[in-house]
Protein backbone atom coordinates (compact mmCIF):
# COMPACT_ATOMS: atom_id res chain seq x y z
CA MET A 1 -11.60 21.31 14.48
CA ASN A 2 -8.98 20.28 17.03
CA PRO A 3 -6.42 18.06 15.22
CA ARG A 4 -6.61 15.45 18.01
CA LEU A 5 -10.37 15.27 17.68
CA ALA A 6 -10.09 15.02 13.88
CA ALA A 7 -7.62 12.14 14.22
CA ALA A 8 -9.88 10.34 16.70
CA ARG A 9 -12.97 10.84 14.53
CA ALA A 10 -11.13 9.42 11.51
CA LEU A 11 -9.74 6.49 13.49
CA THR A 12 -13.07 5.43 15.05
CA PRO A 13 -14.62 3.70 11.99
CA VAL A 14 -11.24 2.05 11.33
CA LEU A 15 -11.29 0.52 14.82
CA LEU A 16 -14.82 -0.68 14.10
CA GLY A 17 -13.61 -2.34 10.89
CA LYS A 18 -15.89 -0.22 8.72
CA ALA A 19 -13.43 1.94 6.77
CA SER A 20 -9.80 2.82 6.10
CA LEU A 21 -7.99 6.03 6.99
CA GLY A 22 -7.70 6.74 3.29
CA THR A 23 -11.47 7.17 3.13
CA THR A 24 -12.17 8.71 6.55
CA LEU A 25 -9.29 11.12 7.15
CA PRO A 26 -9.68 13.56 4.21
CA GLU A 27 -13.12 14.68 5.40
CA TYR A 28 -11.81 15.58 8.84
CA LEU A 29 -8.59 17.16 7.58
CA ASN A 30 -10.74 19.64 5.68
CA ARG A 31 -12.19 20.77 9.02
CA VAL A 32 -8.77 21.35 10.58
CA ALA A 33 -6.82 24.59 10.22
CA PRO A 34 -4.17 24.19 7.47
CA ARG A 35 -1.32 24.63 9.95
CA ASP A 36 -2.62 21.69 12.04
CA ARG A 37 -3.42 19.21 9.26
CA GLY A 38 0.01 17.63 9.37
CA LEU A 39 -0.42 16.99 13.10
CA ALA A 40 -3.87 15.46 12.62
CA GLN A 41 -2.55 13.14 9.92
CA GLU A 42 0.48 12.15 11.99
CA LEU A 43 -1.70 11.33 15.01
CA ALA A 44 -4.20 9.25 13.02
CA TYR A 45 -1.57 7.28 11.12
CA GLY A 46 0.71 6.99 14.14
CA ALA A 47 -2.03 5.60 16.37
CA ALA A 48 -2.95 3.09 13.64
CA ARG A 49 0.71 2.13 13.16
CA TRP A 50 1.21 1.34 16.84
CA GLN A 51 -2.37 0.26 17.64
CA PRO A 52 -1.57 -3.35 18.65
CA ARG A 53 1.02 -2.05 21.10
CA LEU A 54 -1.04 0.89 22.35
CA SER A 55 -4.17 -1.24 22.74
CA GLY A 56 -2.17 -3.81 24.71
CA LEU A 57 -1.06 -1.05 27.05
CA ALA A 58 -4.59 0.38 27.29
CA GLU A 59 -5.91 -3.05 28.24
CA LYS A 60 -3.60 -3.04 31.26
CA LEU A 61 -4.59 0.49 32.23
CA LEU A 62 -8.36 0.05 31.90
CA GLN A 63 -10.58 -1.91 34.28
CA LYS A 64 -12.74 -3.10 31.37
CA PRO A 65 -12.63 -2.68 27.58
CA PHE A 66 -14.64 -0.06 25.72
CA LYS A 67 -18.01 -1.02 24.26
CA ALA A 68 -18.45 -0.77 20.50
CA ALA A 69 -20.58 2.34 21.01
CA ASP A 70 -17.62 4.00 22.73
CA LYS A 71 -14.96 3.33 20.09
CA ASP A 72 -14.62 7.09 19.68
CA LEU A 73 -13.35 7.31 23.26
CA GLU A 74 -11.02 4.39 22.62
CA ALA A 75 -9.70 6.13 19.52
CA LEU A 76 -9.09 9.31 21.53
CA LEU A 77 -7.26 7.31 24.19
CA LEU A 78 -5.00 5.75 21.54
CA ILE A 79 -4.31 9.22 20.14
CA GLY A 80 -3.32 10.35 23.63
CA LEU A 81 -1.08 7.34 24.24
CA TYR A 82 0.59 7.79 20.88
CA GLN A 83 1.47 11.38 21.77
CA LEU A 84 2.96 10.33 25.10
CA PHE A 85 5.16 7.53 23.75
CA TYR A 86 5.90 8.35 20.12
CA THR A 87 6.00 12.13 19.71
CA ARG A 88 7.91 15.06 21.16
CA ILE A 89 4.70 16.81 22.16
CA PRO A 90 5.06 17.89 25.81
CA ALA A 91 3.16 15.52 28.08
CA HIS A 92 1.10 18.30 29.67
CA ALA A 93 -0.09 19.47 26.25
CA ALA A 94 -0.86 15.94 25.09
CA LEU A 95 -2.88 15.30 28.24
CA SER A 96 -4.83 18.54 28.44
CA ASP A 97 -5.61 18.83 24.73
CA THR A 98 -6.65 15.19 24.40
CA VAL A 99 -8.86 15.24 27.48
CA GLY A 100 -10.35 18.51 26.23
CA CYS A 101 -11.64 16.71 23.13
CA VAL A 102 -13.97 14.48 25.16
CA ASP A 103 -16.57 17.26 25.38
CA ALA A 104 -17.04 17.16 21.60
CA LEU A 105 -17.88 13.44 21.84
CA LYS A 106 -20.78 14.30 24.19
CA LYS A 107 -19.71 11.68 26.69
CA SER A 108 -18.91 13.71 29.77
CA TRP A 109 -18.39 10.56 31.84
CA GLY A 110 -15.39 9.74 29.70
CA LYS A 111 -13.44 12.85 30.61
CA ALA A 112 -12.31 11.62 34.02
CA LEU A 113 -11.57 8.18 32.56
CA ILE A 114 -9.34 9.44 29.73
CA ASN A 115 -7.60 11.84 32.10
CA ALA A 116 -6.90 9.13 34.69
CA VAL A 117 -5.69 6.55 32.18
CA LEU A 118 -3.35 8.98 30.40
CA ARG A 119 -1.90 10.21 33.70
CA ARG A 120 -1.31 6.65 34.83
CA ALA A 121 0.28 5.89 31.46
CA GLN A 122 2.59 8.85 31.95
CA ARG A 123 3.70 7.40 35.31
CA GLU A 124 3.71 3.66 34.66
CA GLY A 125 3.38 3.16 30.92
CA GLN A 126 7.00 2.53 30.01
CA GLU A 127 7.38 -0.03 32.77
CA LEU A 128 4.14 -1.75 31.73
CA LEU A 129 5.26 -1.90 28.10
CA THR A 130 8.52 -3.51 29.18
CA THR A 131 6.62 -6.25 31.01
CA LEU A 132 4.52 -6.86 27.88
CA GLU A 133 7.48 -7.16 25.50
CA HIS A 134 7.45 -10.97 25.71
CA ASP A 135 4.30 -10.96 23.58
CA PRO A 136 5.31 -10.60 19.90
CA VAL A 137 2.05 -8.74 19.19
CA ILE A 138 3.12 -6.02 21.61
CA ARG A 139 6.79 -6.16 20.66
CA THR A 140 6.21 -5.91 16.90
CA ALA A 141 2.94 -3.94 16.95
CA HIS A 142 1.33 -6.40 14.51
CA PRO A 143 -1.93 -8.32 14.91
CA ARG A 144 -1.35 -11.89 16.02
CA TRP A 145 -2.59 -13.53 12.82
CA LEU A 146 -0.20 -11.47 10.69
CA GLN A 147 2.73 -11.84 13.06
CA LYS A 148 2.28 -15.63 13.04
CA SER A 149 1.92 -15.74 9.26
CA LEU A 150 5.08 -13.70 8.69
CA LYS A 151 7.00 -15.84 11.17
CA ALA A 152 5.81 -19.07 9.53
CA HIS A 153 6.64 -17.96 5.98
CA TRP A 154 9.79 -15.93 6.67
CA PRO A 155 11.40 -17.32 9.85
CA GLU A 156 14.68 -15.51 9.16
CA HIS A 157 13.15 -12.18 8.15
CA TRP A 158 9.81 -11.72 9.93
CA GLU A 159 10.99 -9.44 12.74
CA GLU A 160 12.85 -7.23 10.27
CA ILE A 161 9.71 -7.05 8.10
CA CYS A 162 7.65 -6.01 11.12
CA ALA A 163 10.22 -3.38 12.10
CA ALA A 164 10.23 -1.97 8.56
CA ASN A 165 6.43 -1.85 8.56
CA ASN A 166 6.57 0.44 11.59
CA GLN A 167 8.87 2.97 9.93
CA HIS A 168 7.88 6.05 7.99
CA PRO A 169 8.32 5.31 4.27
CA PRO A 170 10.57 7.38 2.01
CA MET A 171 9.10 9.67 -0.64
CA THR A 172 10.12 8.27 -4.01
CA LEU A 173 9.58 9.90 -7.40
CA ARG A 174 9.41 8.49 -10.90
CA VAL A 175 10.96 10.83 -13.44
CA ASN A 176 9.14 11.05 -16.78
CA GLN A 177 12.18 10.61 -19.00
CA ARG A 178 10.12 11.46 -22.08
CA ARG A 179 10.29 15.01 -20.74
CA ILE A 180 13.51 15.22 -18.72
CA SER A 181 16.42 12.94 -17.85
CA ARG A 182 16.86 11.72 -14.30
CA GLU A 183 20.20 13.50 -14.03
CA ASP A 184 18.71 16.82 -15.13
CA TYR A 185 15.80 16.43 -12.74
CA LEU A 186 18.14 15.69 -9.84
CA ALA A 187 19.89 18.95 -10.70
CA GLN A 188 16.53 20.78 -10.59
CA LEU A 189 15.81 19.30 -7.18
CA GLN A 190 19.21 20.45 -5.95
CA GLN A 191 18.53 23.97 -7.23
CA ALA A 192 15.20 23.91 -5.37
CA GLY A 193 16.98 22.95 -2.15
CA LEU A 194 15.57 19.42 -2.10
CA ALA A 195 18.17 16.73 -1.39
CA ALA A 196 17.62 13.49 -3.31
CA GLN A 197 19.41 10.38 -4.51
CA PRO A 198 18.94 8.18 -7.60
CA CYS A 199 17.22 4.87 -6.89
CA THR A 200 19.29 1.70 -7.18
CA PHE A 201 17.00 -0.61 -9.15
CA SER A 202 14.70 1.71 -11.10
CA SER A 203 16.47 3.82 -13.70
CA ASP A 204 13.59 6.31 -13.47
CA GLY A 205 13.53 6.55 -9.67
CA VAL A 206 14.61 9.33 -7.33
CA GLN A 207 14.34 9.14 -3.55
CA LEU A 208 14.02 12.34 -1.55
CA ASP A 209 15.99 12.66 1.67
CA ALA A 210 12.88 14.18 3.27
CA ALA A 211 9.24 14.14 2.18
CA CYS A 212 7.65 17.37 0.98
CA ASP A 213 4.41 18.67 -0.49
CA ILE A 214 4.14 17.58 -4.12
CA GLN A 215 3.44 21.18 -5.14
CA GLN A 216 6.97 22.05 -3.99
CA LEU A 217 8.45 19.64 -6.53
CA PRO A 218 9.74 21.40 -9.64
CA GLY A 219 7.88 20.34 -12.77
CA PHE A 220 5.09 18.40 -11.05
CA ALA A 221 2.25 20.27 -12.76
CA GLU A 222 4.12 20.05 -16.08
CA GLY A 223 4.31 16.24 -15.86
CA TYR A 224 8.03 15.85 -15.20
CA LEU A 225 7.45 13.36 -12.40
CA SER A 226 5.04 11.21 -10.43
CA VAL A 227 5.14 9.93 -6.86
CA GLN A 228 5.67 6.16 -6.98
CA ASP A 229 7.65 3.69 -4.89
CA GLU A 230 10.71 2.12 -6.49
CA ALA A 231 9.30 -1.43 -6.28
CA ALA A 232 6.19 -0.40 -8.21
CA GLN A 233 8.36 1.34 -10.81
CA LEU A 234 9.90 -2.00 -11.78
CA ALA A 235 6.66 -3.20 -13.41
CA ALA A 236 7.06 -1.28 -16.68
CA HIS A 237 10.68 -2.39 -17.09
CA LEU A 238 9.80 -6.02 -16.39
CA LEU A 239 6.85 -6.07 -18.80
CA GLU A 240 8.93 -4.38 -21.54
CA PRO A 241 6.18 -3.35 -23.98
CA LYS A 242 7.40 -3.00 -27.57
CA PRO A 243 6.36 -0.51 -30.29
CA GLY A 244 3.05 -1.42 -31.91
CA GLN A 245 1.95 -3.79 -29.18
CA ARG A 246 -1.47 -3.86 -27.56
CA VAL A 247 -1.18 -3.69 -23.78
CA LEU A 248 -3.67 -4.38 -20.98
CA ASP A 249 -3.31 -2.95 -17.49
CA ALA A 250 -5.84 -4.88 -15.43
CA CYS A 251 -6.81 -3.47 -12.00
CA CYS A 252 -5.12 -0.21 -12.99
CA ALA A 253 -6.20 2.42 -10.42
CA PRO A 254 -4.77 4.81 -9.34
CA GLY A 255 -2.85 4.67 -12.61
CA GLY A 256 0.80 4.93 -11.63
CA LYS A 257 1.81 1.85 -13.59
CA THR A 258 -0.53 2.74 -16.47
CA CYS A 259 1.26 6.04 -16.93
CA HIS A 260 4.69 4.49 -16.49
CA LEU A 261 4.00 1.95 -19.25
CA LEU A 262 3.16 4.82 -21.61
CA GLU A 263 6.24 6.77 -20.57
CA TYR A 264 8.42 3.68 -20.98
CA GLN A 265 7.08 2.89 -24.47
CA PRO A 266 5.50 5.91 -26.23
CA GLN A 267 4.80 3.80 -29.34
CA ILE A 268 2.36 1.36 -27.73
CA ALA A 269 -0.43 0.80 -30.26
CA GLU A 270 -3.11 0.87 -27.57
CA LEU A 271 -3.19 0.65 -23.81
CA VAL A 272 -6.44 -0.58 -22.27
CA ALA A 273 -6.72 0.18 -18.55
CA LEU A 274 -9.36 -1.65 -16.52
CA ASP A 275 -10.67 -1.08 -13.05
CA LEU A 276 -13.70 -2.40 -11.25
CA GLU A 277 -14.81 1.01 -9.96
CA ALA A 278 -15.56 3.90 -12.31
CA SER A 279 -14.88 6.37 -9.48
CA ARG A 280 -11.29 5.15 -9.24
CA LEU A 281 -10.76 5.72 -12.96
CA LYS A 282 -11.20 9.46 -12.40
CA ARG A 283 -7.87 9.47 -10.59
CA VAL A 284 -6.30 7.52 -13.46
CA GLN A 285 -7.58 10.07 -15.97
CA GLU A 286 -6.24 12.95 -13.86
CA ASN A 287 -2.78 11.37 -13.89
CA LEU A 288 -2.94 10.75 -17.63
CA ASP A 289 -3.98 14.35 -18.27
CA ARG A 290 -1.21 15.81 -16.10
CA LEU A 291 1.38 13.68 -17.88
CA GLN A 292 -0.16 14.33 -21.32
CA LEU A 293 -0.73 10.63 -21.96
CA SER A 294 -3.64 8.69 -23.40
CA ALA A 295 -5.21 5.30 -22.64
CA ARG A 296 -8.60 3.66 -23.07
CA LEU A 297 -10.19 3.44 -19.63
CA ILE A 298 -12.90 0.86 -18.96
CA ALA A 299 -14.84 0.28 -15.74
CA ALA A 300 -15.43 -3.47 -15.58
CA ASP A 301 -14.71 -6.66 -13.68
CA ALA A 302 -11.60 -8.04 -15.39
CA ARG A 303 -12.89 -11.58 -14.80
CA ASN A 304 -15.93 -10.94 -16.98
CA THR A 305 -14.15 -10.62 -20.33
CA ALA A 306 -17.45 -10.69 -22.25
CA GLN A 307 -18.23 -7.36 -20.61
CA TRP A 308 -15.17 -5.47 -21.84
CA TRP A 309 -12.93 -7.44 -24.26
CA ASP A 310 -13.33 -6.80 -28.00
CA GLY A 311 -11.65 -10.07 -29.00
CA GLN A 312 -8.36 -8.51 -30.10
CA LEU A 313 -5.42 -10.19 -28.38
CA PHE A 314 -2.93 -8.37 -26.17
CA GLN A 315 0.83 -8.84 -26.49
CA ARG A 316 1.45 -7.63 -22.94
CA ILE A 317 -0.72 -7.84 -19.81
CA LEU A 318 0.02 -6.32 -16.42
CA LEU A 319 -2.04 -7.94 -13.67
CA ASP A 320 -1.43 -5.88 -10.55
CA ALA A 321 -3.81 -8.07 -8.59
CA PRO A 322 -5.94 -7.04 -5.61
CA CYS A 323 -4.12 -8.25 -2.50
CA SER A 324 -3.69 -7.88 1.25
CA ALA A 325 -1.25 -4.96 0.74
CA THR A 326 0.93 -6.40 3.51
CA GLY A 327 4.00 -5.08 1.70
CA VAL A 328 2.90 -1.45 2.07
CA ILE A 329 1.85 -1.39 5.72
CA ARG A 330 4.37 1.37 6.39
CA ARG A 331 2.37 3.56 3.97
CA HIS A 332 -1.04 2.32 5.11
CA PRO A 333 -0.65 1.22 8.74
CA ASP A 334 -4.41 0.84 9.17
CA ILE A 335 -4.03 -2.39 7.15
CA LYS A 336 -3.21 -3.91 10.54
CA LEU A 337 -6.79 -3.12 11.53
CA THR A 338 -8.68 -3.61 8.29
CA ARG A 339 -7.21 -6.94 7.14
CA HIS A 340 -8.20 -10.30 8.66
CA PRO A 341 -6.85 -13.84 8.19
CA GLU A 342 -9.89 -15.02 6.25
CA ASP A 343 -9.21 -12.30 3.65
CA ILE A 344 -6.04 -14.01 2.43
CA SER A 345 -7.58 -17.20 1.06
CA ALA A 346 -10.40 -15.19 -0.53
CA LEU A 347 -7.86 -12.90 -2.21
CA ALA A 348 -5.82 -15.86 -3.45
CA GLU A 349 -8.96 -17.32 -5.02
CA LEU A 350 -9.71 -13.99 -6.70
CA GLN A 351 -6.14 -13.74 -7.99
CA GLY A 352 -6.41 -17.19 -9.54
CA GLN A 353 -9.72 -16.26 -11.16
CA LEU A 354 -8.16 -13.15 -12.68
CA LEU A 355 -5.26 -15.13 -14.13
CA ASP A 356 -7.62 -17.70 -15.62
CA ALA A 357 -9.87 -15.03 -17.13
CA LEU A 358 -7.11 -12.88 -18.62
CA TRP A 359 -4.92 -15.66 -20.04
CA PRO A 360 -7.16 -16.27 -23.11
CA THR A 361 -6.87 -12.57 -24.02
CA LEU A 362 -3.05 -12.88 -24.31
CA ALA A 363 -1.52 -13.68 -27.69
CA VAL A 364 0.81 -16.65 -28.11
CA GLY A 365 4.31 -15.29 -27.51
CA GLY A 366 2.85 -12.61 -25.25
CA ILE A 367 3.87 -11.89 -21.67
CA LEU A 368 1.77 -11.50 -18.53
CA LEU A 369 3.40 -9.85 -15.52
CA TYR A 370 1.77 -10.78 -12.22
CA ALA A 371 2.33 -8.33 -9.38
CA THR A 372 1.12 -7.76 -5.84
CA CYS A 373 2.16 -5.50 -2.98
CA SER A 374 1.91 -8.46 -0.60
CA VAL A 375 4.63 -10.34 1.27
CA LEU A 376 2.45 -13.42 1.89
CA PRO A 377 3.30 -16.45 -0.31
CA THR A 378 -0.37 -17.53 -0.29
CA GLU A 379 -1.07 -14.61 -2.63
CA ASN A 380 2.15 -14.84 -4.57
CA ARG A 381 4.22 -17.90 -5.36
CA GLU A 382 1.40 -20.29 -4.41
CA VAL A 383 -1.02 -18.56 -6.79
CA ILE A 384 1.51 -18.72 -9.63
CA ALA A 385 2.47 -22.34 -8.88
CA ALA A 386 -1.18 -23.39 -9.01
CA PHE A 387 -1.72 -21.47 -12.25
CA LEU A 388 1.32 -23.03 -13.95
CA ALA A 389 0.14 -26.47 -12.85
CA ARG A 390 -3.25 -26.08 -14.49
CA MET A 391 -2.25 -24.06 -17.56
CA GLN A 392 0.06 -26.04 -19.85
CA GLY A 393 0.59 -23.17 -22.27
CA ALA A 394 2.23 -20.99 -19.60
CA ARG A 395 5.96 -20.83 -18.87
CA GLU A 396 7.72 -18.76 -16.25
CA LEU A 397 10.43 -16.34 -17.42
CA ASP A 398 13.40 -15.10 -15.43
CA LEU A 399 12.79 -11.60 -14.12
CA GLY A 400 16.43 -10.60 -14.12
CA LEU A 401 15.97 -8.70 -10.86
CA LYS A 402 18.83 -8.21 -8.43
CA CYS A 403 16.64 -7.14 -5.52
CA GLY A 404 14.56 -9.36 -3.27
CA LEU A 405 14.62 -13.12 -2.81
CA THR A 406 14.24 -15.69 -5.58
CA GLN A 407 11.23 -17.94 -4.95
CA PRO A 408 10.26 -21.29 -6.49
CA GLN A 409 8.04 -19.08 -8.64
CA GLY A 410 8.71 -15.37 -9.05
CA ARG A 411 10.63 -13.03 -6.80
CA GLN A 412 9.70 -11.54 -3.41
CA LEU A 413 10.77 -8.01 -2.50
CA PHE A 414 10.76 -6.95 1.17
CA PRO A 415 10.31 -3.51 2.76
CA GLN A 416 13.33 -3.86 5.05
CA ILE A 417 15.82 -4.32 2.20
CA ASN A 418 16.92 -1.42 -0.06
CA GLY A 419 14.18 0.92 1.19
CA HIS A 420 11.45 0.06 -1.33
CA ASP A 421 8.02 -1.41 -0.55
CA GLY A 422 7.27 -5.10 -0.20
CA PHE A 423 6.31 -6.45 -3.62
CA TYR A 424 6.07 -9.67 -5.62
CA TYR A 425 6.60 -10.24 -9.35
CA ALA A 426 6.26 -13.24 -11.64
CA LYS A 427 6.66 -13.12 -15.43
CA LEU A 428 4.72 -15.60 -17.57
CA LEU A 429 5.14 -16.38 -21.28
CA LYS A 430 2.30 -17.83 -23.35
CA VAL A 431 3.96 -20.54 -25.41
CA ALA A 432 0.78 -22.07 -26.83
CA ALA A 433 -2.96 -21.58 -26.84
CA GLN A 434 -3.43 -24.89 -25.05
CA PRO A 435 -6.44 -25.78 -22.93
CA ARG A 436 -6.27 -26.02 -19.18
CA VAL A 437 -4.97 -29.33 -17.85
CA GLN A 438 -8.33 -30.52 -16.49
CA GLU A 439 -10.04 -29.67 -19.80
CA LYS A 440 -7.50 -31.67 -21.76
CA LEU A 441 -7.94 -34.70 -19.53
CA SER A 442 -11.73 -34.68 -19.76
């Protein structure tokens, strides 16, 4: 399959709000020649990354918008525009190869349209974009609801956050120091001709100067390393599990933090890893097997403790809560298309429900680490503030982090500072098995 067609096919359901690139793209990549898969992936992710900007330009170039039934043509047009403005592909090749894909969509009427719009974009597009720069949606390539939210919450940082979201993320590794020291692994990378630097805040982290196929990494199959962003690597160090403790990793898939907890503390008595979807636990098990680690995996809704909890208390809980993922847009740019403003309040409610459900499973003196990959306070400090207000037996602990910004509750990490993803952490100590405030008053 033509890589441009594959990218457009994968992008179409994303534009319709029915799927993410993570679910649609693999199927089409399998139909593309191996040498062209990188191009197909770059076009799909690039068009998603710059979609608000490209769609704003397309609106000026088209006489009327595409109908829902013709989103495949719209996707192909965005792929074409992305090539013209954000790649080094020669314009004639971008035009001819993109227009040539229309035949496969079985919409012959669209061929002249795509050709005319792309040719006009080639002539007038840069000037048109300049005239549209006054609109922050076009300038930042972020949907209006998200741009406004970031500006409202982070007036001094929002444009930098948006700019970071539009960059390609670094490839960061977590060294399994049960098997090899970070210094020795850096030496192995150097011998393999792969330039890398130690991370600043994670003592297990290594950042590659340039991304590569994981199979090129020395020791990957042997379990010497995992691919994990530096911000996510901080979770195990912040939770600090001790020998003999029982640990819960709620919402664990794909298992990066699960495995890191076991690497960090090999003498954990038991690690229980929960996820709502059994299919996602397969990936967790694959990671455990590769790293020669063991955990008890359970497919269940963490809120329904009667479904999965055996009544034995945990001394440590990691709640990496479902969130908007607005801190990892640079890795998943289709979040700009798949997330909507009404999602945020629903996610905050879910996060509060998870905290309430898991707190009774934590022993007195135990620690719960709350984490999200969001940069929106509605899902972060506001959730923790509300929880602390209603749960008298909870106390916030200092994280001791030097990265990010201190918040009234917890600490916010941003993608534009230090090169790691956007993340939020709050550390809670259970000082007493006290009832919730409203229960005590009743």
